[in-house]
Each structure stands twice: as C-alpha cells, then as structure tokens.
C-alpha atoms as a PDB file:
ATOM      1  CA  MET A   1      -0.080  -0.021   0.072  1.00  0.00           C
ATOM      2  CA  THR A   2       1.328   3.436  -0.978  1.00  0.00           C
ATOM      3  CA  GLU A   3       2.089   6.031   1.848  1.00  0.00           C
ATOM      4  CA  PRO A   4      -0.640   8.512   2.680  1.00  0.00           C
ATOM      5  CA  THR A   5      -0.671  11.851   1.072  1.00  0.00           C
ATOM      6  CA  ALA A   6      -1.590  15.461   2.307  1.00  0.00           C
ATOM      7  CA  LEU A   7      -3.015  18.443   0.792  1.00  0.00           C
ATOM      8  CA  ALA A   8      -2.883  22.006   2.249  1.00  0.00           C
ATOM      9  CA  LEU A   9      -5.629  24.323   1.024  1.00  0.00           C
ATOM     10  CA  VAL A  10      -4.146  27.688   1.716  1.00  0.00           C
ATOM     11  CA  CYS A  11      -6.979  30.223   2.289  1.00  0.00           C
ATOM     12  CA  THR A  12      -4.841  33.396   2.239  1.00  0.00           C
ATOM     13  CA  LEU A  13      -6.438  36.338   0.393  1.00  0.00           C
ATOM     14  CA  LYS A  14      -2.952  36.949  -1.310  1.00  0.00           C
ATOM     15  CA  ALA A  15      -2.488  35.326  -4.790  1.00  0.00           C
ATOM     16  CA  SER A  16       0.898  33.646  -5.536  1.00  0.00           C
ATOM     17  CA  PRO A  17       3.743  34.578  -5.357  1.00  0.00           C
ATOM     18  CA  ALA A  18       2.914  37.184  -2.502  1.00  0.00           C
ATOM     19  CA  PRO A  19       4.320  36.089   0.906  1.00  0.00           C
ATOM     20  CA  SER A  20       1.651  34.535   3.072  1.00  0.00           C
ATOM     21  CA  SER A  21       1.809  33.671   6.674  1.00  0.00           C
ATOM     22  CA  SER A  22      -1.180  31.046   5.951  1.00  0.00           C
ATOM     23  CA  ASP A  23       1.264  29.439   3.269  1.00  0.00           C
ATOM     24  CA  LEU A  24       4.253  29.382   5.551  1.00  0.00           C
ATOM     25  CA  ILE A  25       2.796  27.511   8.510  1.00  0.00           C
ATOM     26  CA  ALA A  26       0.980  25.256   6.044  1.00  0.00           C
ATOM     27  CA  ARG A  27       4.392  24.395   4.634  1.00  0.00           C
ATOM     28  CA  GLN A  28       6.010  23.941   8.027  1.00  0.00           C
ATOM     29  CA  VAL A  29       3.156  21.330   8.985  1.00  0.00           C
ATOM     30  CA  LEU A  30       3.791  19.504   5.700  1.00  0.00           C
ATOM     31  CA  ALA A  31       7.374  19.313   6.373  1.00  0.00           C
ATOM     32  CA  GLU A  32       6.562  17.890   9.762  1.00  0.00           C
ATOM     33  CA  LEU A  33       4.217  15.271   7.966  1.00  0.00           C
ATOM     34  CA  GLU A  34       7.133  14.317   5.734  1.00  0.00           C
ATOM     35  CA  LYS A  35       9.011  12.892   8.837  1.00  0.00           C
ATOM     36  CA  HIS A  36       6.117  10.543   9.126  1.00  0.00           C
ATOM     37  CA  GLY A  37       6.351   9.349   5.457  1.00  0.00           C
ATOM     38  CA  VAL A  38       3.549  11.587   4.357  1.00  0.00           C
ATOM     39  CA  SER A  39       4.035  13.560   1.123  1.00  0.00           C
ATOM     40  CA  GLY A  40       2.195  16.698   0.698  1.00  0.00           C
ATOM     41  CA  ARG A  41       1.449  19.707  -1.509  1.00  0.00           C
ATOM     42  CA  THR A  42      -0.083  23.235  -1.106  1.00  0.00           C
ATOM     43  CA  MET A  43      -2.650  24.838  -3.264  1.00  0.00           C
ATOM     44  CA  ARG A  44      -3.654  28.352  -2.943  1.00  0.00           C
ATOM     45  CA  VAL A  45      -7.153  28.597  -3.404  1.00  0.00           C
ATOM     46  CA  VAL A  46      -7.246  32.081  -4.529  1.00  0.00           C
ATOM     47  CA  ASP A  47      -5.123  31.258  -7.385  1.00  0.00           C
ATOM     48  CA  HIS A  48      -8.191  29.375  -8.855  1.00  0.00           C
ATOM     49  CA  HIS A  49     -11.559  30.796  -9.877  1.00  0.00           C
ATOM     50  CA  VAL A  50     -13.789  29.153  -7.336  1.00  0.00           C
ATOM     51  CA  ALA A  51     -17.303  30.190  -7.966  1.00  0.00           C
ATOM     52  CA  PRO A  52     -19.888  30.464  -5.195  1.00  0.00           C
ATOM     53  CA  GLY A  53     -22.208  27.803  -4.560  1.00  0.00           C
ATOM     54  CA  VAL A  54     -22.693  24.399  -3.104  1.00  0.00           C
ATOM     55  CA  GLU A  55     -22.332  22.156  -6.040  1.00  0.00           C
ATOM     56  CA  LYS A  56     -19.592  19.977  -7.199  1.00  0.00           C
ATOM     57  CA  ASP A  57     -19.233  21.966 -10.448  1.00  0.00           C
ATOM     58  CA  MET A  58     -20.821  25.364 -10.892  1.00  0.00           C
ATOM     59  CA  GLY A  59     -20.311  25.461 -14.531  1.00  0.00           C
ATOM     60  CA  GLU A  60     -18.091  27.367 -17.109  1.00  0.00           C
ATOM     61  CA  GLY A  61     -15.089  28.972 -15.563  1.00  0.00           C
ATOM     62  CA  ASP A  62     -15.368  27.338 -12.246  1.00  0.00           C
ATOM     63  CA  GLN A  63     -12.239  26.017 -11.182  1.00  0.00           C
ATOM     64  CA  TRP A  64     -13.191  24.186  -7.942  1.00  0.00           C
ATOM     65  CA  PRO A  65     -13.369  20.731  -9.575  1.00  0.00           C
ATOM     66  CA  THR A  66      -9.315  20.930  -9.773  1.00  0.00           C
ATOM     67  CA  LEU A  67      -9.272  21.616  -6.132  1.00  0.00           C
ATOM     68  CA  ARG A  68     -11.887  18.984  -5.313  1.00  0.00           C
ATOM     69  CA  ARG A  69     -10.036  16.236  -7.132  1.00  0.00           C
ATOM     70  CA  ALA A  70      -7.045  17.115  -5.150  1.00  0.00           C
ATOM     71  CA  VAL A  71      -9.030  16.817  -1.864  1.00  0.00           C
ATOM     72  CA  LEU A  72     -10.429  13.414  -3.079  1.00  0.00           C
ATOM     73  CA  ASP A  73      -6.978  12.130  -3.873  1.00  0.00           C
ATOM     74  CA  SER A  74      -5.377  13.013  -0.472  1.00  0.00           C
ATOM     75  CA  ASP A  75      -5.530  11.275   2.687  1.00  0.00           C
ATOM     76  CA  ILE A  76      -4.920  14.396   4.992  1.00  0.00           C
ATOM     77  CA  VAL A  77      -6.518  17.857   4.204  1.00  0.00           C
ATOM     78  CA  LEU A  78      -5.190  20.922   6.089  1.00  0.00           C
ATOM     79  CA  ILE A  79      -7.321  24.043   5.821  1.00  0.00           C
ATOM     80  CA  SER A  80      -4.767  26.961   6.565  1.00  0.00           C
ATOM     81  CA  THR A  81      -6.429  30.410   7.150  1.00  0.00           C
ATOM     82  CA  PRO A  82      -5.528  33.979   8.390  1.00  0.00           C
ATOM     83  CA  THR A  83      -7.614  35.577  10.996  1.00  0.00           C
ATOM     84  CA  TRP A  84      -9.834  38.737   9.839  1.00  0.00           C
ATOM     85  CA  LEU A  85     -12.118  40.430  12.405  1.00  0.00           C
ATOM     86  CA  GLY A  86     -11.693  37.221  14.612  1.00  0.00           C
ATOM     87  CA  GLN A  87     -13.083  35.028  11.792  1.00  0.00           C
ATOM     88  CA  MET A  88     -11.650  32.865   9.211  1.00  0.00           C
ATOM     89  CA  SER A  89     -10.951  34.290   5.602  1.00  0.00           C
ATOM     90  CA  SER A  90     -13.777  34.405   3.189  1.00  0.00           C
ATOM     91  CA  VAL A  91     -11.799  32.054   1.290  1.00  0.00           C
ATOM     92  CA  ALA A  92     -11.960  29.464   3.875  1.00  0.00           C
ATOM     93  CA  LYS A  93     -15.639  29.941   4.125  1.00  0.00           C
ATOM     94  CA  ARG A  94     -15.982  29.606   0.294  1.00  0.00           C
ATOM     95  CA  VAL A  95     -14.151  26.171   0.659  1.00  0.00           C
ATOM     96  CA  LEU A  96     -16.341  24.987   3.281  1.00  0.00           C
ATOM     97  CA  GLU A  97     -19.400  26.009   1.156  1.00  0.00           C
ATOM     98  CA  ARG A  98     -18.132  24.092  -1.979  1.00  0.00           C
ATOM     99  CA  LEU A  99     -17.208  20.913   0.310  1.00  0.00           C
ATOM    100  CA  ASP A 100     -21.029  21.064   1.136  1.00  0.00           C
ATOM    101  CA  ALA A 101     -21.728  19.115  -2.012  1.00  0.00           C
ATOM    102  CA  GLU A 102     -19.859  16.109  -0.635  1.00  0.00           C
ATOM    103  CA  LEU A 103     -22.697  15.583   1.837  1.00  0.00           C
ATOM    104  CA  SER A 104     -24.885  13.834  -1.081  1.00  0.00           C
ATOM    105  CA  GLU A 105     -21.863  12.025  -2.468  1.00  0.00           C
ATOM    106  CA  THR A 106     -21.121   8.192  -1.568  1.00  0.00           C
ATOM    107  CA  ASP A 107     -18.771   5.512  -2.706  1.00  0.00           C
ATOM    108  CA  ASP A 108     -19.778   2.063  -3.754  1.00  0.00           C
ATOM    109  CA  GLU A 109     -20.532   0.902  -0.366  1.00  0.00           C
ATOM    110  CA  GLY A 110     -22.899   3.759   0.318  1.00  0.00           C
ATOM    111  CA  ARG A 111     -20.528   5.702   2.686  1.00  0.00           C
ATOM    112  CA  PRO A 112     -20.076   9.436   2.392  1.00  0.00           C
ATOM    113  CA  ILE A 113     -17.174   9.883  -0.103  1.00  0.00           C
ATOM    114  CA  LEU A 114     -15.004  11.803   2.430  1.00  0.00           C
ATOM    115  CA  PHE A 115     -15.186   8.938   5.130  1.00  0.00           C
ATOM    116  CA  ASP A 116     -11.647   7.791   6.033  1.00  0.00           C
ATOM    117  CA  LYS A 117      -9.950  11.149   5.392  1.00  0.00           C
ATOM    118  CA  VAL A 118      -8.338  13.348   7.963  1.00  0.00           C
ATOM    119  CA  ALA A 119      -8.779  16.975   8.549  1.00  0.00           C
ATOM    120  CA  ALA A 120      -6.424  19.369  10.068  1.00  0.00           C
ATOM    121  CA  ALA A 121      -6.419  23.131  10.628  1.00  0.00           C
ATOM    122  CA  ALA A 122      -3.749  25.806  10.893  1.00  0.00           C
ATOM    123  CA  VAL A 123      -4.546  29.478  11.754  1.00  0.00           C
ATOM    124  CA  VAL A 124      -2.410  32.735  11.885  1.00  0.00           C
ATOM    125  CA  GLY A 125      -3.185  36.319  12.736  1.00  0.00           C
ATOM    126  CA  ASN A 126      -2.259  39.160  15.121  1.00  0.00           C
ATOM    127  CA  GLU A 127      -5.594  38.955  16.765  1.00  0.00           C
ATOM    128  CA  ASP A 128      -7.607  36.543  18.761  1.00  0.00           C
ATOM    129  CA  GLY A 129      -9.911  34.030  17.197  1.00  0.00           C
ATOM    130  CA  ALA A 130      -7.967  30.799  16.540  1.00  0.00           C
ATOM    131  CA  HIS A 131      -9.983  28.587  18.863  1.00  0.00           C
ATOM    132  CA  ALA A 132     -13.320  29.844  17.440  1.00  0.00           C
ATOM    133  CA  ILE A 133     -12.016  29.446  13.934  1.00  0.00           C
ATOM    134  CA  VAL A 134     -10.736  25.907  14.489  1.00  0.00           C
ATOM    135  CA  ALA A 135     -14.009  24.892  16.340  1.00  0.00           C
ATOM    136  CA  SER A 136     -16.156  26.191  13.273  1.00  0.00           C
ATOM    137  CA  LEU A 137     -13.720  24.397  10.757  1.00  0.00           C
ATOM    138  CA  PHE A 138     -13.791  21.018  12.395  1.00  0.00           C
ATOM    139  CA  GLN A 139     -17.422  20.953  13.116  1.00  0.00           C
ATOM    140  CA  ALA A 140     -18.154  21.632   9.313  1.00  0.00           C
ATOM    141  CA  LEU A 141     -15.278  19.286   8.234  1.00  0.00           C
ATOM    142  CA  ASN A 142     -16.455  16.599  10.474  1.00  0.00           C
ATOM    143  CA  ASP A 143     -20.143  17.010   9.452  1.00  0.00           C
ATOM    144  CA  ILE A 144     -19.231  16.182   5.967  1.00  0.00           C
ATOM    145  CA  GLY A 145     -17.169  12.938   6.797  1.00  0.00           C
ATOM    146  CA  PHE A 146     -13.695  14.008   7.868  1.00  0.00           C
ATOM    147  CA  SER A 147     -12.163  12.499  10.983  1.00  0.00           C
ATOM    148  CA  VAL A 148     -10.280  15.044  13.158  1.00  0.00           C
ATOM    149  CA  PRO A 149      -7.144  13.648  15.000  1.00  0.00           C
ATOM    150  CA  ALA A 150      -6.190  14.471  18.576  1.00  0.00           C
ATOM    151  CA  GLN A 151      -4.673  18.064  18.755  1.00  0.00           C
ATOM    152  CA  GLY A 152      -5.288  18.468  15.133  1.00  0.00           C
ATOM    153  CA  CYS A 153      -4.797  22.119  14.729  1.00  0.00           C
ATOM    154  CA  THR A 154      -1.847  24.594  15.150  1.00  0.00           C
ATOM    155  CA  TYR A 155      -1.948  28.381  15.447  1.00  0.00           C
ATOM    156  CA  TRP A 156      -0.022  31.559  15.998  1.00  0.00           C
ATOM    157  CA  ASN A 157      -1.582  34.824  17.171  1.00  0.00           C
ATOM    158  CA  GLY A 158       0.627  37.862  17.666  1.00  0.00           C
ATOM    159  CA  GLU A 159      -0.226  40.837  19.790  1.00  0.00           C
ATOM    160  CA  ALA A 160      -3.399  42.387  18.798  1.00  0.00           C
ATOM    161  CA  MET A 161      -3.389  45.927  17.145  1.00  0.00           C
ATOM    162  CA  THR A 162       0.478  45.744  16.451  1.00  0.00           C
ATOM    163  CA  PRO A 163       2.308  45.358  13.046  1.00  0.00           C
ATOM    164  CA  GLY A 164       4.020  42.317  11.895  1.00  0.00           C
ATOM    165  CA  ASP A 165       2.651  38.806  11.307  1.00  0.00           C
ATOM    166  CA  TYR A 166       3.985  35.078  11.329  1.00  0.00           C
ATOM    167  CA  ASN A 167       6.007  35.835   8.141  1.00  0.00           C
ATOM    168  CA  ASP A 168       8.093  38.401   9.993  1.00  0.00           C
ATOM    169  CA  LEU A 169       9.400  36.119  12.678  1.00  0.00           C
ATOM    170  CA  GLY A 170      12.979  35.017  12.556  1.00  0.00           C
ATOM    171  CA  ASN A 171      12.158  31.545  13.480  1.00  0.00           C
ATOM    172  CA  VAL A 172       9.257  29.296  14.632  1.00  0.00           C
ATOM    173  CA  PRO A 173       8.248  29.748  18.355  1.00  0.00           C
ATOM    174  CA  GLU A 174       8.802  26.621  20.337  1.00  0.00           C
ATOM    175  CA  ALA A 175       5.312  26.340  21.208  1.00  0.00           C
ATOM    176  CA  VAL A 176       4.120  26.596  17.444  1.00  0.00           C
ATOM    177  CA  ALA A 177       6.893  24.018  16.442  1.00  0.00           C
ATOM    178  CA  SER A 178       5.898  21.479  19.043  1.00  0.00           C
ATOM    179  CA  THR A 179       2.160  21.933  18.179  1.00  0.00           C
ATOM    180  CA  ASN A 180       2.930  21.446  14.503  1.00  0.00           C
ATOM    181  CA  ALA A 181       4.928  18.257  15.180  1.00  0.00           C
ATOM    182  CA  THR A 182       2.103  16.792  17.264  1.00  0.00           C
ATOM    183  CA  LEU A 183      -0.473  17.685  14.784  1.00  0.00           C
ATOM    184  CA  ALA A 184       1.596  15.913  11.918  1.00  0.00           C
ATOM    185  CA  ALA A 185       2.127  12.831  14.182  1.00  0.00           C
ATOM    186  CA  ASN A 186      -1.433  12.476  14.970  1.00  0.00           C
ATOM    187  CA  ALA A 187      -2.727  13.157  11.618  1.00  0.00           C
ATOM    188  CA  ALA A 188      -0.336  10.670   9.898  1.00  0.00           C
ATOM    189  CA  HIS A 189      -1.240   7.996  12.457  1.00  0.00           C
ATOM    190  CA  LEU A 190      -5.062   8.462  12.010  1.00  0.00           C
ATOM    191  CA  ALA A 191      -4.678   8.415   8.252  1.00  0.00           C
ATOM    192  CA  ARG A 192      -2.949   5.057   8.468  1.00  0.00           C
ATOM    193  CA  VAL A 193      -5.449   3.676  10.999  1.00  0.00           C
ATOM    194  CA  LEU A 194      -8.343   4.667   8.637  1.00  0.00           C
ATOM    195  CA  ARG A 195      -6.660   3.264   5.573  1.00  0.00           C
ATOM    196  CA  GLU A 196      -6.326  -0.177   7.257  1.00  0.00           C
ATOM    197  CA  ASN A 197      -9.790  -0.158   9.027  1.00  0.00           C
ATOM    198  CA  ARG A 198     -12.125   1.864   7.115  1.00  0.00           C
ATOM    199  CA  TYR A 199     -15.461   2.843   8.516  1.00  0.00           C
ATOM    200  CA  PRO A 200     -18.140   0.559   7.829  1.00  0.00           C
ATOM    201  CA  GLY A 201     -20.771   0.840   4.889  1.00  0.00           C
ATOM    202  CA  THR A 202     -24.560   1.283   5.396  1.00  0.00           C
END
C-alpha cells in the first residue's frame, strides 16, 4: 500500500507569489508530515476561480473541480487560514461551502465519499480568534465526513493591534513548532489507521 498523502488548502487572501503567513505555516506542517512518510503539497485557493455555490461544479469558468479532485486524492486535508475580524478568511468559508456538495456523494458501499479522510487546521493572525475558527472548521469538516485527530490544529496569534505577522518572525516559536509536530504525528497516525480499518458501509 502506498504511503498517505496530504493536501494543504491555503486560504490566504493573497495570490501567489506574494508572501503569506498561512502558506508558511502550512508548509511547516507539511514538512513535519514528511517526517512520518506523508508526502504533501499546497494549493492556494485564490490562485483558482472558485465560484460561489454548493455544487461540485458550478459550470463554465469554475475551477473548484480541480481543487476537489486534489481533496479526493489526498488522505489528509489541512485548511490553513488567516484571521480577519476574529473570523476565518472568506476564502476558507468558500471552501467549506463548496465541500458541502460532498454531503450527497457516496462511494460504492454507500458511505459518504469523504469518510476515511483526515482533517487538520492551521490559523495565523495578530488578533484573537484561532480557537473559534478551529471549532467552526472542525465542526463543518467532521459533518461532511472528515475525521479529526487529537490536537489536530496549530495556530499563532501575535499581539493584537500591532504590526507584523507570522512571516516576520525570525524563527518558529517553540510552542508552534511543538504543536506542528504533534498535529503531524497524530494526523499521519490516524490516516494510516483509517486506511487499514475503514468506517463501515451502510
């Protein structure tokens, strides 16, 4: 059996190649996952035209199907988002809206198509909101079939109302590095467990 794979959907508001703190922390998590034999890649959602809607394909010009295929091909999906006004980015909310279509998708055994996939989250910002954002992300992702590992999130919040962000730090804070490592270890473990012991069909 091949090794698990991971996808980081980076929900920054900045198109490539602009520096992005959400992209940076996502790549750090992917680097930790590599230590556990999990290969991964990032995709910036704003580099694609993702139409509003709750269907798998919203028609001409909609590039969500490309991102959807990447999700379906991965064992672990990391949503990485900045914090704005204490909320996840509008891009992250758009991702959740589009994933809503998977509620009606099932496999040959009648199981929701996203069963056996692992969800993780990363949040950055120089204001509070990380815990609330993770709670909203995990509720939505679990509702459509993802499993959430123990301590499956990582975050960094700088001091509120001050300049600078995660990109500006000279090194990874020890607490963030440790959390990244735990997230990766537990996500990789759960992905392997679910590969060997799938959820039952209906």
